[in-house]
Amino acid sequence: MILHYIYIIVFLQPWVVRRFIANQKDN
């Protein structure tokens, strides 16, 4: 089950990073 969470984190990481960068540029 932990592996499933790791897979989700790795899969969503690029989206979170881009979202974070977008928020930084907005501010």
Protein backbone atom coordinates (compact mmCIF):
# COMPACT_ATOMS: atom_id res chain seq x y z
CA MET A 1 0.00 0.00 0.00
CA ILE A 2 2.91 2.31 0.71
CA LEU A 3 4.19 1.69 -2.82
CA HIS A 4 0.84 2.90 -4.13
CA TYR A 5 1.23 6.19 -2.27
CA ILE A 6 4.78 6.58 -3.57
CA TYR A 7 3.53 6.00 -7.12
CA ILE A 8 0.86 8.68 -6.67
CA ILE A 9 3.37 11.15 -5.21
CA VAL A 10 5.85 10.56 -8.04
CA PHE A 11 3.08 10.83 -10.62
CA LEU A 12 1.66 14.06 -9.21
CA GLN A 13 5.02 15.62 -8.37
CA PRO A 14 5.44 17.42 -11.75
CA TRP A 15 1.89 18.83 -11.48
CA VAL A 16 2.51 20.08 -7.94
CA VAL A 17 5.81 21.65 -8.96
CA ARG A 18 4.25 23.45 -11.93
CA ARG A 19 1.37 24.59 -9.73
CA PHE A 20 3.85 25.88 -7.13
CA ILE A 21 5.87 27.74 -9.78
CA ALA A 22 2.66 29.27 -11.15
CA ASN A 23 1.76 30.51 -7.67
CA GLN A 24 5.25 31.95 -7.21
CA LYS A 25 5.05 33.83 -10.54
CA ASP A 26 1.55 35.07 -9.69
CA ASN A 27 2.95 36.57 -6.49
